[in-house]
Amino acid sequence: MSGICNGRTAIITGAGGGLGRAYALALAAEGASVVVNDIRRDAAEAVAAEVRAAGGRALADDGDITTLAGAEAIVAAAVAAFGDVQVVINNAGVLRDRMFLSLTEDDWDTVMRVHLRGHFCLANVLGRRWRDQKKAGQPVDARIVNTSSGAGLQGSIGQSNYVAAKGGIAALTLVQAAELARYGITVNCLAPAARTAMTEGAMPDMVKKPASGFDVWDPLNVASIVVWLASAQSAHVSGRCFEAKGGELSIAEGWHTGRIVDKGARWSPAELGAVVDRLIAEGRAAQKVYGT
């Protein structure tokens, strides 16, 4: 198979279904060798078999993305199978939805471990590998694609743990992009909207497949931007957060410093009410938190 990802190898986490499966199929269709990583070995094997049946190259893997040792083993398996790795798609996720005051420590820690530690470990292991290659004089054209969420960008009622993790991933992307550019590594993130096990559980009626016409919620719609980001064509783009749904694509506009009022001296607490009200009135309103 040939395409814009010819000669590239991508590790995709959480690729046993939903968006990860779509990414694996789409990347392989564009010439990439894919490592289908999922904690569910049978799911990973099934997607890898699907890729191979379509003429692509795939390796199933169930390594632990939440430890450096697990990440090192995943990378070693990928290198043994395909020679090198140029791309990691950090896609794996989990939900423990509850209102903030009902969250348990385990609800919080599980979501942080899978999302934030899961994004850290593989990127850290691969980033060090790519840095060493660059310092040794080898060409490096590497990609980290992170997964945020509309919830992480604007907030979502009943998902404060998930929101905090996804917001952290968006901010992490900015720092990774700034630090890793010198090594030939780009880092972008994605806020996808598609039919997955998560969204089918949370809003089944909204995301169900239509009887006819364009299937807006098909995960393969989102896969297109992921494939492009994984390719050599995207080398000039880094530190961006893409929102994708159906045929829609946009780049999120992050926090910016708003209008500044400078007294030139220390404010007294009592006079700040009018100043804050003025700044809010003159500033751009934030998007509404989902569910409000």
C-alpha atoms as a PDB file:
ATOM      1  CA  MET A   1       0.000   0.000   0.000  1.00  0.00           C
ATOM      2  CA  SER A   2       1.259   3.485  -0.780  1.00  0.00           C
ATOM      3  CA  GLY A   3       0.298   6.984   0.268  1.00  0.00           C
ATOM      4  CA  ILE A   4       1.446  10.052   2.178  1.00  0.00           C
ATOM      5  CA  CYS A   5       2.770   7.957   5.086  1.00  0.00           C
ATOM      6  CA  ASN A   6       4.960   5.602   3.041  1.00  0.00           C
ATOM      7  CA  GLY A   7       7.936   4.324   5.026  1.00  0.00           C
ATOM      8  CA  ARG A   8       6.632   5.607   8.364  1.00  0.00           C
ATOM      9  CA  THR A   9       5.749   3.580  11.453  1.00  0.00           C
ATOM     10  CA  ALA A  10       3.091   4.758  13.890  1.00  0.00           C
ATOM     11  CA  ILE A  11       2.235   3.514  17.358  1.00  0.00           C
ATOM     12  CA  ILE A  12      -1.453   4.059  18.122  1.00  0.00           C
ATOM     13  CA  THR A  13      -2.711   3.596  21.669  1.00  0.00           C
ATOM     14  CA  GLY A  14      -6.249   2.522  22.442  1.00  0.00           C
ATOM     15  CA  ALA A  15      -6.439   1.206  18.883  1.00  0.00           C
ATOM     16  CA  GLY A  16      -8.635  -1.820  19.560  1.00  0.00           C
ATOM     17  CA  GLY A  17     -11.796   0.068  18.603  1.00  0.00           C
ATOM     18  CA  GLY A  18     -13.400   3.428  17.915  1.00  0.00           C
ATOM     19  CA  LEU A  19     -11.084   6.236  16.889  1.00  0.00           C
ATOM     20  CA  GLY A  20      -7.889   4.246  17.408  1.00  0.00           C
ATOM     21  CA  ARG A  21      -9.076   1.518  15.043  1.00  0.00           C
ATOM     22  CA  ALA A  22     -10.004   4.154  12.458  1.00  0.00           C
ATOM     23  CA  TYR A  23      -6.555   5.740  12.777  1.00  0.00           C
ATOM     24  CA  ALA A  24      -4.839   2.367  12.313  1.00  0.00           C
ATOM     25  CA  LEU A  25      -6.867   1.544   9.207  1.00  0.00           C
ATOM     26  CA  ALA A  26      -6.433   5.010   7.680  1.00  0.00           C
ATOM     27  CA  LEU A  27      -2.698   5.222   8.407  1.00  0.00           C
ATOM     28  CA  ALA A  28      -2.092   1.764   6.955  1.00  0.00           C
ATOM     29  CA  ALA A  29      -4.118   2.690   3.873  1.00  0.00           C
ATOM     30  CA  GLU A  30      -1.694   5.605   3.359  1.00  0.00           C
ATOM     31  CA  GLY A  31       1.365   3.361   3.586  1.00  0.00           C
ATOM     32  CA  ALA A  32       2.269   3.439   7.281  1.00  0.00           C
ATOM     33  CA  SER A  33       3.200   0.381   9.311  1.00  0.00           C
ATOM     34  CA  VAL A  34       1.049   0.472  12.446  1.00  0.00           C
ATOM     35  CA  VAL A  35       1.438  -0.812  15.976  1.00  0.00           C
ATOM     36  CA  VAL A  36      -2.069  -1.452  17.270  1.00  0.00           C
ATOM     37  CA  ASN A  37      -1.746  -1.006  21.021  1.00  0.00           C
ATOM     38  CA  ASP A  38      -4.664  -1.800  23.313  1.00  0.00           C
ATOM     39  CA  ILE A  39      -4.945  -3.176  26.824  1.00  0.00           C
ATOM     40  CA  ARG A  40      -7.402  -5.697  25.339  1.00  0.00           C
ATOM     41  CA  ARG A  41      -5.159  -8.100  23.472  1.00  0.00           C
ATOM     42  CA  ASP A  42      -7.997  -9.703  21.515  1.00  0.00           C
ATOM     43  CA  ALA A  43      -9.193  -6.291  20.301  1.00  0.00           C
ATOM     44  CA  ALA A  44      -5.670  -5.325  19.229  1.00  0.00           C
ATOM     45  CA  GLU A  45      -5.264  -8.620  17.364  1.00  0.00           C
ATOM     46  CA  ALA A  46      -8.599  -8.147  15.595  1.00  0.00           C
ATOM     47  CA  VAL A  47      -7.713  -4.656  14.334  1.00  0.00           C
ATOM     48  CA  ALA A  48      -4.218  -5.748  13.289  1.00  0.00           C
ATOM     49  CA  ALA A  49      -5.780  -8.619  11.343  1.00  0.00           C
ATOM     50  CA  GLU A  50      -8.158  -6.138   9.704  1.00  0.00           C
ATOM     51  CA  VAL A  51      -5.237  -3.966   8.619  1.00  0.00           C
ATOM     52  CA  ARG A  52      -3.336  -6.936   7.197  1.00  0.00           C
ATOM     53  CA  ALA A  53      -6.436  -8.216   5.387  1.00  0.00           C
ATOM     54  CA  ALA A  54      -6.636  -4.834   3.637  1.00  0.00           C
ATOM     55  CA  GLY A  55      -3.014  -5.158   2.521  1.00  0.00           C
ATOM     56  CA  GLY A  56      -1.352  -3.149   5.306  1.00  0.00           C
ATOM     57  CA  ARG A  57       1.375  -3.909   7.832  1.00  0.00           C
ATOM     58  CA  ALA A  58       0.366  -4.179  11.478  1.00  0.00           C
ATOM     59  CA  LEU A  59       1.595  -5.461  14.825  1.00  0.00           C
ATOM     60  CA  ALA A  60      -0.781  -6.106  17.724  1.00  0.00           C
ATOM     61  CA  ASP A  61       0.497  -5.020  21.142  1.00  0.00           C
ATOM     62  CA  ASP A  62      -0.998  -4.923  24.655  1.00  0.00           C
ATOM     63  CA  GLY A  63       1.879  -3.193  26.468  1.00  0.00           C
ATOM     64  CA  ASP A  64       1.256  -0.847  29.398  1.00  0.00           C
ATOM     65  CA  ILE A  65       1.300   2.788  28.273  1.00  0.00           C
ATOM     66  CA  THR A  66       1.207   4.092  31.856  1.00  0.00           C
ATOM     67  CA  THR A  67       4.765   3.107  32.815  1.00  0.00           C
ATOM     68  CA  LEU A  68       8.107   3.936  31.246  1.00  0.00           C
ATOM     69  CA  ALA A  69       9.051   0.251  31.289  1.00  0.00           C
ATOM     70  CA  GLY A  70       5.853  -0.586  29.420  1.00  0.00           C
ATOM     71  CA  ALA A  71       6.470   2.190  26.915  1.00  0.00           C
ATOM     72  CA  GLU A  72      10.033   1.018  26.329  1.00  0.00           C
ATOM     73  CA  ALA A  73       8.743  -2.498  25.615  1.00  0.00           C
ATOM     74  CA  ILE A  74       6.173  -1.173  23.137  1.00  0.00           C
ATOM     75  CA  VAL A  75       8.814   0.846  21.290  1.00  0.00           C
ATOM     76  CA  ALA A  76      11.219  -2.114  21.280  1.00  0.00           C
ATOM     77  CA  ALA A  77       8.527  -4.337  19.752  1.00  0.00           C
ATOM     78  CA  ALA A  78       7.791  -1.719  17.085  1.00  0.00           C
ATOM     79  CA  VAL A  79      11.460  -1.315  16.197  1.00  0.00           C
ATOM     80  CA  ALA A  80      11.944  -5.084  16.038  1.00  0.00           C
ATOM     81  CA  ALA A  81       8.987  -5.424  13.686  1.00  0.00           C
ATOM     82  CA  PHE A  82       9.416  -2.367  11.467  1.00  0.00           C
ATOM     83  CA  GLY A  83      12.928  -0.964  11.990  1.00  0.00           C
ATOM     84  CA  ASP A  84      12.075   2.394  13.529  1.00  0.00           C
ATOM     85  CA  VAL A  85       9.198   4.571  14.750  1.00  0.00           C
ATOM     86  CA  GLN A  86       8.388   8.057  13.495  1.00  0.00           C
ATOM     87  CA  VAL A  87       4.916   8.647  14.961  1.00  0.00           C
ATOM     88  CA  VAL A  88       2.996   8.121  18.175  1.00  0.00           C
ATOM     89  CA  ILE A  89      -0.747   8.719  18.345  1.00  0.00           C
ATOM     90  CA  ASN A  90      -1.711   9.018  22.017  1.00  0.00           C
ATOM     91  CA  ASN A  91      -5.368   8.046  21.827  1.00  0.00           C
ATOM     92  CA  ALA A  92      -6.159   5.683  24.716  1.00  0.00           C
ATOM     93  CA  GLY A  93      -8.639   6.991  27.259  1.00  0.00           C
ATOM     94  CA  VAL A  94     -11.054   6.082  30.003  1.00  0.00           C
ATOM     95  CA  LEU A  95     -14.034   7.713  31.710  1.00  0.00           C
ATOM     96  CA  ARG A  96     -15.098   7.776  35.347  1.00  0.00           C
ATOM     97  CA  ASP A  97     -17.909  10.323  35.071  1.00  0.00           C
ATOM     98  CA  ARG A  98     -19.417  11.752  38.239  1.00  0.00           C
ATOM     99  CA  MET A  99     -20.260  15.173  39.585  1.00  0.00           C
ATOM    100  CA  PHE A 100     -17.195  16.701  41.223  1.00  0.00           C
ATOM    101  CA  LEU A 101     -18.349  16.196  44.816  1.00  0.00           C
ATOM    102  CA  SER A 102     -19.103  12.523  44.131  1.00  0.00           C
ATOM    103  CA  LEU A 103     -15.662  11.654  42.752  1.00  0.00           C
ATOM    104  CA  THR A 104     -13.512   9.142  44.614  1.00  0.00           C
ATOM    105  CA  GLU A 105      -9.724   9.106  44.700  1.00  0.00           C
ATOM    106  CA  ASP A 106      -9.791   6.109  42.366  1.00  0.00           C
ATOM    107  CA  ASP A 107     -12.076   7.941  39.914  1.00  0.00           C
ATOM    108  CA  TRP A 108      -9.556  10.769  39.813  1.00  0.00           C
ATOM    109  CA  ASP A 109      -6.370   8.694  39.770  1.00  0.00           C
ATOM    110  CA  THR A 110      -7.555   6.229  37.104  1.00  0.00           C
ATOM    111  CA  VAL A 111      -8.387   9.008  34.644  1.00  0.00           C
ATOM    112  CA  MET A 112      -5.138  10.866  35.344  1.00  0.00           C
ATOM    113  CA  ARG A 113      -3.067   7.694  34.994  1.00  0.00           C
ATOM    114  CA  VAL A 114      -4.499   6.613  31.653  1.00  0.00           C
ATOM    115  CA  HIS A 115      -4.674  10.068  30.082  1.00  0.00           C
ATOM    116  CA  LEU A 116      -1.772  12.072  31.502  1.00  0.00           C
ATOM    117  CA  ARG A 117       0.695   9.293  32.397  1.00  0.00           C
ATOM    118  CA  GLY A 118      -0.319   7.486  29.228  1.00  0.00           C
ATOM    119  CA  HIS A 119       0.530  10.567  27.187  1.00  0.00           C
ATOM    120  CA  PHE A 120       3.803  11.088  29.047  1.00  0.00           C
ATOM    121  CA  CYS A 121       5.403   7.651  28.886  1.00  0.00           C
ATOM    122  CA  LEU A 122       5.496   6.827  25.181  1.00  0.00           C
ATOM    123  CA  ALA A 123       6.272  10.419  24.202  1.00  0.00           C
ATOM    124  CA  ASN A 124       9.129  10.516  26.702  1.00  0.00           C
ATOM    125  CA  VAL A 125      10.652   7.240  25.541  1.00  0.00           C
ATOM    126  CA  LEU A 126      10.312   8.097  21.858  1.00  0.00           C
ATOM    127  CA  GLY A 127      11.362  11.713  22.378  1.00  0.00           C
ATOM    128  CA  ARG A 128      14.646  10.584  23.939  1.00  0.00           C
ATOM    129  CA  ARG A 129      15.162   8.126  21.081  1.00  0.00           C
ATOM    130  CA  TRP A 130      14.572  10.834  18.471  1.00  0.00           C
ATOM    131  CA  ARG A 131      16.807  13.308  20.316  1.00  0.00           C
ATOM    132  CA  ASP A 132      19.630  10.761  20.330  1.00  0.00           C
ATOM    133  CA  GLN A 133      19.139  10.099  16.628  1.00  0.00           C
ATOM    134  CA  LYS A 134      19.274  13.841  15.885  1.00  0.00           C
ATOM    135  CA  LYS A 135      22.438  14.284  17.952  1.00  0.00           C
ATOM    136  CA  ALA A 136      24.009  11.355  16.104  1.00  0.00           C
ATOM    137  CA  GLY A 137      23.435  13.179  12.818  1.00  0.00           C
ATOM    138  CA  GLN A 138      20.496  11.097  11.627  1.00  0.00           C
ATOM    139  CA  PRO A 139      17.526  12.789   9.938  1.00  0.00           C
ATOM    140  CA  VAL A 140      14.496  13.040  12.245  1.00  0.00           C
ATOM    141  CA  ASP A 141      10.981  13.904  11.050  1.00  0.00           C
ATOM    142  CA  ALA A 142       8.922  12.707  13.990  1.00  0.00           C
ATOM    143  CA  ARG A 143       5.376  13.283  15.190  1.00  0.00           C
ATOM    144  CA  ILE A 144       3.554  13.232  18.512  1.00  0.00           C
ATOM    145  CA  VAL A 145      -0.216  13.513  18.171  1.00  0.00           C
ATOM    146  CA  ASN A 146      -1.993  13.959  21.492  1.00  0.00           C
ATOM    147  CA  THR A 147      -5.700  13.683  22.220  1.00  0.00           C
ATOM    148  CA  SER A 148      -7.497  16.432  24.076  1.00  0.00           C
ATOM    149  CA  SER A 149     -11.258  16.952  23.906  1.00  0.00           C
ATOM    150  CA  GLY A 150     -13.870  19.634  23.599  1.00  0.00           C
ATOM    151  CA  ALA A 151     -14.457  18.887  27.276  1.00  0.00           C
ATOM    152  CA  GLY A 152     -10.820  19.690  27.998  1.00  0.00           C
ATOM    153  CA  LEU A 153     -10.998  22.936  26.050  1.00  0.00           C
ATOM    154  CA  GLN A 154     -14.331  24.274  27.330  1.00  0.00           C
ATOM    155  CA  GLY A 155     -15.305  22.078  30.283  1.00  0.00           C
ATOM    156  CA  SER A 156     -18.124  19.565  30.708  1.00  0.00           C
ATOM    157  CA  ILE A 157     -20.525  19.068  33.599  1.00  0.00           C
ATOM    158  CA  GLY A 158     -20.018  15.748  35.400  1.00  0.00           C
ATOM    159  CA  GLN A 159     -16.552  15.183  33.949  1.00  0.00           C
ATOM    160  CA  SER A 160     -14.169  17.286  36.043  1.00  0.00           C
ATOM    161  CA  ASN A 161     -11.520  14.546  36.241  1.00  0.00           C
ATOM    162  CA  TYR A 162     -11.633  13.959  32.473  1.00  0.00           C
ATOM    163  CA  VAL A 163     -11.744  17.711  31.798  1.00  0.00           C
ATOM    164  CA  ALA A 164      -8.677  18.318  33.982  1.00  0.00           C
ATOM    165  CA  ALA A 165      -6.746  15.539  32.229  1.00  0.00           C
ATOM    166  CA  LYS A 166      -7.710  16.664  28.733  1.00  0.00           C
ATOM    167  CA  GLY A 167      -6.998  20.313  29.527  1.00  0.00           C
ATOM    168  CA  GLY A 168      -3.615  19.225  30.852  1.00  0.00           C
ATOM    169  CA  ILE A 169      -2.918  17.401  27.599  1.00  0.00           C
ATOM    170  CA  ALA A 170      -3.689  20.526  25.567  1.00  0.00           C
ATOM    171  CA  ALA A 171      -1.254  22.550  27.681  1.00  0.00           C
ATOM    172  CA  LEU A 172       1.340  19.750  27.594  1.00  0.00           C
ATOM    173  CA  THR A 173       1.205  19.879  23.800  1.00  0.00           C
ATOM    174  CA  LEU A 174       2.284  23.537  23.806  1.00  0.00           C
ATOM    175  CA  VAL A 175       5.346  22.850  25.950  1.00  0.00           C
ATOM    176  CA  GLN A 176       6.335  19.688  24.085  1.00  0.00           C
ATOM    177  CA  ALA A 177       6.107  21.542  20.771  1.00  0.00           C
ATOM    178  CA  ALA A 178       8.335  24.342  22.053  1.00  0.00           C
ATOM    179  CA  GLU A 179      10.932  22.049  23.618  1.00  0.00           C
ATOM    180  CA  LEU A 180      11.136  19.330  20.971  1.00  0.00           C
ATOM    181  CA  ALA A 181      11.212  21.394  17.760  1.00  0.00           C
ATOM    182  CA  ARG A 182      15.028  21.443  17.801  1.00  0.00           C
ATOM    183  CA  TYR A 183      15.057  17.657  17.439  1.00  0.00           C
ATOM    184  CA  GLY A 184      12.830  17.483  14.375  1.00  0.00           C
ATOM    185  CA  ILE A 185       9.729  16.567  16.371  1.00  0.00           C
ATOM    186  CA  THR A 186       6.331  18.219  15.922  1.00  0.00           C
ATOM    187  CA  VAL A 187       3.617  17.948  18.553  1.00  0.00           C
ATOM    188  CA  ASN A 188      -0.045  18.662  17.961  1.00  0.00           C
ATOM    189  CA  CYS A 189      -3.250  17.629  19.657  1.00  0.00           C
ATOM    190  CA  LEU A 190      -6.714  16.751  18.531  1.00  0.00           C
ATOM    191  CA  ALA A 191     -10.152  17.301  20.025  1.00  0.00           C
ATOM    192  CA  PRO A 192     -12.186  14.726  18.088  1.00  0.00           C
ATOM    193  CA  ALA A 193     -15.927  14.174  17.952  1.00  0.00           C
ATOM    194  CA  ALA A 194     -16.935  10.720  16.728  1.00  0.00           C
ATOM    195  CA  ARG A 195     -18.857   7.564  17.521  1.00  0.00           C
ATOM    196  CA  THR A 196     -16.852   5.574  20.073  1.00  0.00           C
ATOM    197  CA  ALA A 197     -17.595   3.353  23.039  1.00  0.00           C
ATOM    198  CA  MET A 198     -17.347   6.462  25.227  1.00  0.00           C
ATOM    199  CA  THR A 199     -19.750   8.625  23.222  1.00  0.00           C
ATOM    200  CA  GLU A 200     -22.179   5.774  22.582  1.00  0.00           C
ATOM    201  CA  GLY A 201     -22.394   5.289  26.329  1.00  0.00           C
ATOM    202  CA  ALA A 202     -22.813   8.999  27.053  1.00  0.00           C
ATOM    203  CA  MET A 203     -25.048  10.138  24.164  1.00  0.00           C
ATOM    204  CA  PRO A 204     -26.216   7.120  22.124  1.00  0.00           C
ATOM    205  CA  ASP A 205     -29.057   8.856  20.276  1.00  0.00           C
ATOM    206  CA  MET A 206     -26.878  11.733  19.111  1.00  0.00           C
ATOM    207  CA  VAL A 207     -24.050   9.614  17.660  1.00  0.00           C
ATOM    208  CA  LYS A 208     -25.963   6.699  16.147  1.00  0.00           C
ATOM    209  CA  LYS A 209     -25.340   5.893  12.499  1.00  0.00           C
ATOM    210  CA  PRO A 210     -27.938   7.438  10.161  1.00  0.00           C
ATOM    211  CA  ALA A 211     -30.045   5.249   7.905  1.00  0.00           C
ATOM    212  CA  SER A 212     -28.687   7.115   4.880  1.00  0.00           C
ATOM    213  CA  GLY A 213     -26.518  10.066   3.908  1.00  0.00           C
ATOM    214  CA  PHE A 214     -23.251  11.304   5.365  1.00  0.00           C
ATOM    215  CA  ASP A 215     -22.359   9.651   8.676  1.00  0.00           C
ATOM    216  CA  VAL A 216     -21.077  12.674  10.591  1.00  0.00           C
ATOM    217  CA  TRP A 217     -19.996  10.608  13.579  1.00  0.00           C
ATOM    218  CA  ASP A 218     -17.965   8.001  11.668  1.00  0.00           C
ATOM    219  CA  PRO A 219     -14.483   7.860  13.297  1.00  0.00           C
ATOM    220  CA  LEU A 220     -12.880   7.595   9.854  1.00  0.00           C
ATOM    221  CA  ASN A 221     -13.844  11.241   9.283  1.00  0.00           C
ATOM    222  CA  VAL A 222     -11.503  12.283  12.097  1.00  0.00           C
ATOM    223  CA  ALA A 223      -8.782   9.902  10.917  1.00  0.00           C
ATOM    224  CA  SER A 224      -8.036  12.094   7.891  1.00  0.00           C
ATOM    225  CA  ILE A 225      -6.397  14.888   9.915  1.00  0.00           C
ATOM    226  CA  VAL A 226      -4.530  12.341  12.040  1.00  0.00           C
ATOM    227  CA  VAL A 227      -3.031  10.758   8.924  1.00  0.00           C
ATOM    228  CA  TRP A 228      -1.988  14.160   7.608  1.00  0.00           C
ATOM    229  CA  LEU A 229      -0.421  15.115  10.941  1.00  0.00           C
ATOM    230  CA  ALA A 230       1.490  11.814  10.948  1.00  0.00           C
ATOM    231  CA  SER A 231       2.837  12.418   7.447  1.00  0.00           C
ATOM    232  CA  ALA A 232       5.900  14.293   6.234  1.00  0.00           C
ATOM    233  CA  GLN A 233       3.563  16.944   4.805  1.00  0.00           C
ATOM    234  CA  SER A 234       2.821  18.389   8.261  1.00  0.00           C
ATOM    235  CA  ALA A 235       6.405  19.187   9.282  1.00  0.00           C
ATOM    236  CA  HIS A 236       5.680  22.942   9.399  1.00  0.00           C
ATOM    237  CA  VAL A 237       2.772  22.641  11.876  1.00  0.00           C
ATOM    238  CA  SER A 238       3.341  22.230  15.611  1.00  0.00           C
ATOM    239  CA  GLY A 239       1.764  23.309  18.888  1.00  0.00           C
ATOM    240  CA  ARG A 240      -1.774  23.359  17.491  1.00  0.00           C
ATOM    241  CA  CYS A 241      -5.023  21.819  18.723  1.00  0.00           C
ATOM    242  CA  PHE A 242      -7.336  20.645  15.968  1.00  0.00           C
ATOM    243  CA  GLU A 243     -11.060  20.121  16.450  1.00  0.00           C
ATOM    244  CA  ALA A 244     -12.549  17.608  14.025  1.00  0.00           C
ATOM    245  CA  LYS A 245     -16.049  16.232  13.505  1.00  0.00           C
ATOM    246  CA  GLY A 246     -17.569  14.866  10.311  1.00  0.00           C
ATOM    247  CA  GLY A 247     -16.463  17.231   7.549  1.00  0.00           C
ATOM    248  CA  GLU A 248     -15.653  20.039  10.008  1.00  0.00           C
ATOM    249  CA  LEU A 249     -12.081  21.039  10.864  1.00  0.00           C
ATOM    250  CA  SER A 250     -10.879  23.967  12.941  1.00  0.00           C
ATOM    251  CA  ILE A 251      -7.894  25.005  15.020  1.00  0.00           C
ATOM    252  CA  ALA A 252      -8.706  25.969  18.591  1.00  0.00           C
ATOM    253  CA  GLU A 253      -7.686  29.406  19.801  1.00  0.00           C
ATOM    254  CA  GLY A 254      -6.203  29.074  23.263  1.00  0.00           C
ATOM    255  CA  TRP A 255      -5.890  31.368  26.243  1.00  0.00           C
ATOM    256  CA  HIS A 256      -4.678  34.870  25.388  1.00  0.00           C
ATOM    257  CA  THR A 257      -3.887  37.727  27.745  1.00  0.00           C
ATOM    258  CA  GLY A 258      -6.892  40.041  27.622  1.00  0.00           C
ATOM    259  CA  ARG A 259      -7.102  43.799  27.932  1.00  0.00           C
ATOM    260  CA  ILE A 260      -4.852  45.162  30.679  1.00  0.00           C
ATOM    261  CA  VAL A 261      -5.816  47.930  33.067  1.00  0.00           C
ATOM    262  CA  ASP A 262      -2.738  49.326  34.814  1.00  0.00           C
ATOM    263  CA  LYS A 263      -3.161  51.710  37.737  1.00  0.00           C
ATOM    264  CA  GLY A 264       0.574  52.191  38.058  1.00  0.00           C
ATOM    265  CA  ALA A 265       0.265  51.497  41.750  1.00  0.00           C
ATOM    266  CA  ARG A 266      -1.181  48.876  44.082  1.00  0.00           C
ATOM    267  CA  TRP A 267      -4.938  48.363  43.845  1.00  0.00           C
ATOM    268  CA  SER A 268      -7.010  48.488  46.986  1.00  0.00           C
ATOM    269  CA  PRO A 269      -9.376  45.502  47.238  1.00  0.00           C
ATOM    270  CA  ALA A 270     -12.457  47.701  47.463  1.00  0.00           C
ATOM    271  CA  GLU A 271     -11.862  49.378  44.094  1.00  0.00           C
ATOM    272  CA  LEU A 272     -11.332  46.167  42.136  1.00  0.00           C
ATOM    273  CA  GLY A 273     -14.987  45.241  41.686  1.00  0.00           C
ATOM    274  CA  ALA A 274     -15.621  47.920  39.076  1.00  0.00           C
ATOM    275  CA  VAL A 275     -12.323  47.140  37.330  1.00  0.00           C
ATOM    276  CA  VAL A 276     -13.061  43.415  37.071  1.00  0.00           C
ATOM    277  CA  ASP A 277     -16.598  44.084  35.813  1.00  0.00           C
ATOM    278  CA  ARG A 278     -15.192  46.386  33.144  1.00  0.00           C
ATOM    279  CA  LEU A 279     -12.588  43.847  32.006  1.00  0.00           C
ATOM    280  CA  ILE A 280     -15.234  41.141  31.751  1.00  0.00           C
ATOM    281  CA  ALA A 281     -17.606  43.410  29.830  1.00  0.00           C
ATOM    282  CA  GLU A 282     -14.913  44.459  27.367  1.00  0.00           C
ATOM    283  CA  GLY A 283     -13.396  41.003  26.920  1.00  0.00           C
ATOM    284  CA  ARG A 284     -14.382  38.103  24.695  1.00  0.00           C
ATOM    285  CA  ALA A 285     -16.810  35.759  26.427  1.00  0.00           C
ATOM    286  CA  ALA A 286     -15.653  32.177  26.987  1.00  0.00           C
ATOM    287  CA  GLN A 287     -17.518  29.316  25.356  1.00  0.00           C
ATOM    288  CA  LYS A 288     -20.169  27.810  27.578  1.00  0.00           C
ATOM    289  CA  VAL A 289     -19.287  24.755  29.643  1.00  0.00           C
ATOM    290  CA  TYR A 290     -20.943  21.734  28.019  1.00  0.00           C
ATOM    291  CA  GLY A 291     -24.084  20.807  29.895  1.00  0.00           C
ATOM    292  CA  THR A 292     -24.842  24.305  31.197  1.00  0.00           C
END
